[in-house]
Amino acid sequence: MQDSYGEITARNAEVIAVTTQDLSFAGDAIDTVGIPFPVAYDVTTTMPRQWERFDNFGTELADAAVYVIDQDGLLVWQSLGDDYTHQVSAATVLKQLDSIAG
């Protein structure tokens, strides 16, 4: 997502990564890697538990998933991982954003 972040924000969208790991001391590493979008830390695991996306693969981590939520706060698309390594291409996300734009 970081390589296509400009294309995503050009569509009036935002990327927010959510992790249940305490990476609060990883700020320098995030800056070094060049992640341009916000990273939220939910070490309480509240959000992934509410969405039933926590520890479904015995990892004690939030499951890998990607959600597109429209400006009204409605979930319009999701990609739920088959395991914790699940990834979605930026091209797929861009396609979904274009589809809700009209």
Protein backbone atom coordinates (compact mmCIF):
# COMPACT_ATOMS: atom_id res chain seq x y z
CA MET A 1 0.00 0.00 0.00
CA GLN A 2 2.85 2.36 0.71
CA ASP A 3 3.93 2.48 -2.97
CA SER A 4 0.38 3.35 -4.07
CA TYR A 5 -0.48 5.63 -1.19
CA GLY A 6 -0.53 8.72 -3.41
CA GLU A 7 -3.02 7.07 -5.77
CA ILE A 8 -5.19 6.07 -2.83
CA THR A 9 -5.24 9.53 -1.27
CA ALA A 10 -5.90 11.05 -4.72
CA ARG A 11 -9.21 9.16 -4.56
CA ASN A 12 -10.05 10.94 -1.31
CA ALA A 13 -9.35 7.77 0.67
CA GLU A 14 -7.07 6.94 3.58
CA VAL A 15 -5.13 3.87 4.62
CA ILE A 16 -4.98 3.06 8.31
CA ALA A 17 -3.05 0.02 9.43
CA VAL A 18 -4.19 -1.53 12.69
CA THR A 19 -2.00 -3.87 14.67
CA THR A 20 -2.48 -5.59 17.99
CA GLN A 21 1.25 -5.75 18.55
CA ASP A 22 2.82 -3.08 20.74
CA LEU A 23 5.06 -1.41 18.22
CA SER A 24 5.12 1.93 20.00
CA PHE A 25 8.91 1.77 20.08
CA ALA A 26 9.10 1.00 16.37
CA GLY A 27 8.53 4.56 15.18
CA ASP A 28 12.05 4.91 13.80
CA ALA A 29 11.73 1.61 11.94
CA ILE A 30 8.39 2.67 10.45
CA ASP A 31 9.95 5.94 9.32
CA THR A 32 12.96 4.10 7.89
CA VAL A 33 10.77 1.71 5.90
CA GLY A 34 8.76 4.70 4.71
CA ILE A 35 5.22 3.84 5.74
CA PRO A 36 3.35 7.05 4.86
CA PHE A 37 0.00 6.16 6.42
CA PRO A 38 -1.07 6.04 10.07
CA VAL A 39 -0.43 2.90 12.10
CA ALA A 40 -2.87 2.39 14.97
CA TYR A 41 -1.97 0.20 17.91
CA ASP A 42 -4.82 -1.68 19.55
CA VAL A 43 -2.94 -3.73 22.11
CA THR A 44 -6.23 -4.31 23.94
CA THR A 45 -7.43 -6.18 20.78
CA THR A 46 -10.84 -4.52 21.17
CA MET A 47 -11.47 -3.68 17.52
CA PRO A 48 -10.43 -7.01 15.94
CA ARG A 49 -12.35 -8.90 18.61
CA GLN A 50 -15.50 -6.83 17.90
CA TRP A 51 -15.12 -7.62 14.19
CA GLU A 52 -14.41 -11.30 15.01
CA ARG A 53 -11.01 -11.00 13.33
CA PHE A 54 -8.73 -11.99 16.21
CA ASP A 55 -6.77 -15.21 16.69
CA ASN A 56 -8.70 -17.26 14.15
CA PHE A 57 -5.44 -18.97 13.18
CA GLY A 58 -3.94 -19.56 16.64
CA THR A 59 -1.52 -16.64 16.37
CA GLU A 60 -2.81 -14.44 19.23
CA LEU A 61 -2.84 -11.63 16.65
CA ALA A 62 -5.45 -9.80 14.62
CA ASP A 63 -6.20 -11.67 11.42
CA ALA A 64 -4.99 -10.16 8.17
CA ALA A 65 -7.91 -8.37 6.55
CA VAL A 66 -8.56 -5.34 4.38
CA TYR A 67 -11.71 -3.25 4.58
CA VAL A 68 -13.02 -0.43 2.41
CA ILE A 69 -15.39 1.78 4.36
CA ASP A 70 -17.22 4.56 2.55
CA GLN A 71 -17.62 8.15 3.70
CA ASP A 72 -20.87 7.24 5.45
CA GLY A 73 -19.04 4.67 7.57
CA LEU A 74 -20.53 1.68 5.73
CA LEU A 75 -18.45 -1.38 4.98
CA VAL A 76 -18.55 -1.68 1.19
CA TRP A 77 -15.85 -4.29 0.56
CA GLN A 78 -13.67 -6.65 2.54
CA SER A 79 -10.97 -9.20 1.95
CA LEU A 80 -10.57 -11.62 4.84
CA GLY A 81 -7.44 -13.71 4.96
CA ASP A 82 -7.34 -17.48 4.89
CA ASP A 83 -4.39 -17.23 7.26
CA TYR A 84 -2.29 -14.58 8.96
CA THR A 85 -0.12 -13.98 5.86
CA HIS A 86 -3.02 -12.73 3.70
CA GLN A 87 -2.21 -9.73 1.55
CA VAL A 88 -4.23 -7.65 -0.89
CA SER A 89 -2.64 -5.76 -3.75
CA ALA A 90 -2.96 -2.01 -3.92
CA ALA A 91 -4.39 -2.46 -7.43
CA THR A 92 -7.28 -4.43 -5.94
CA VAL A 93 -7.96 -1.72 -3.37
CA LEU A 94 -7.77 0.98 -6.04
CA LYS A 95 -10.28 -0.95 -8.15
CA GLN A 96 -12.67 -1.12 -5.20
CA LEU A 97 -12.27 2.60 -4.51
CA ASP A 98 -13.01 3.37 -8.15
CA SER A 99 -16.12 1.20 -8.04
CA ILE A 100 -17.63 3.16 -5.14
CA ALA A 101 -16.67 6.52 -6.63
CA GLY A 102 -19.21 6.09 -9.35
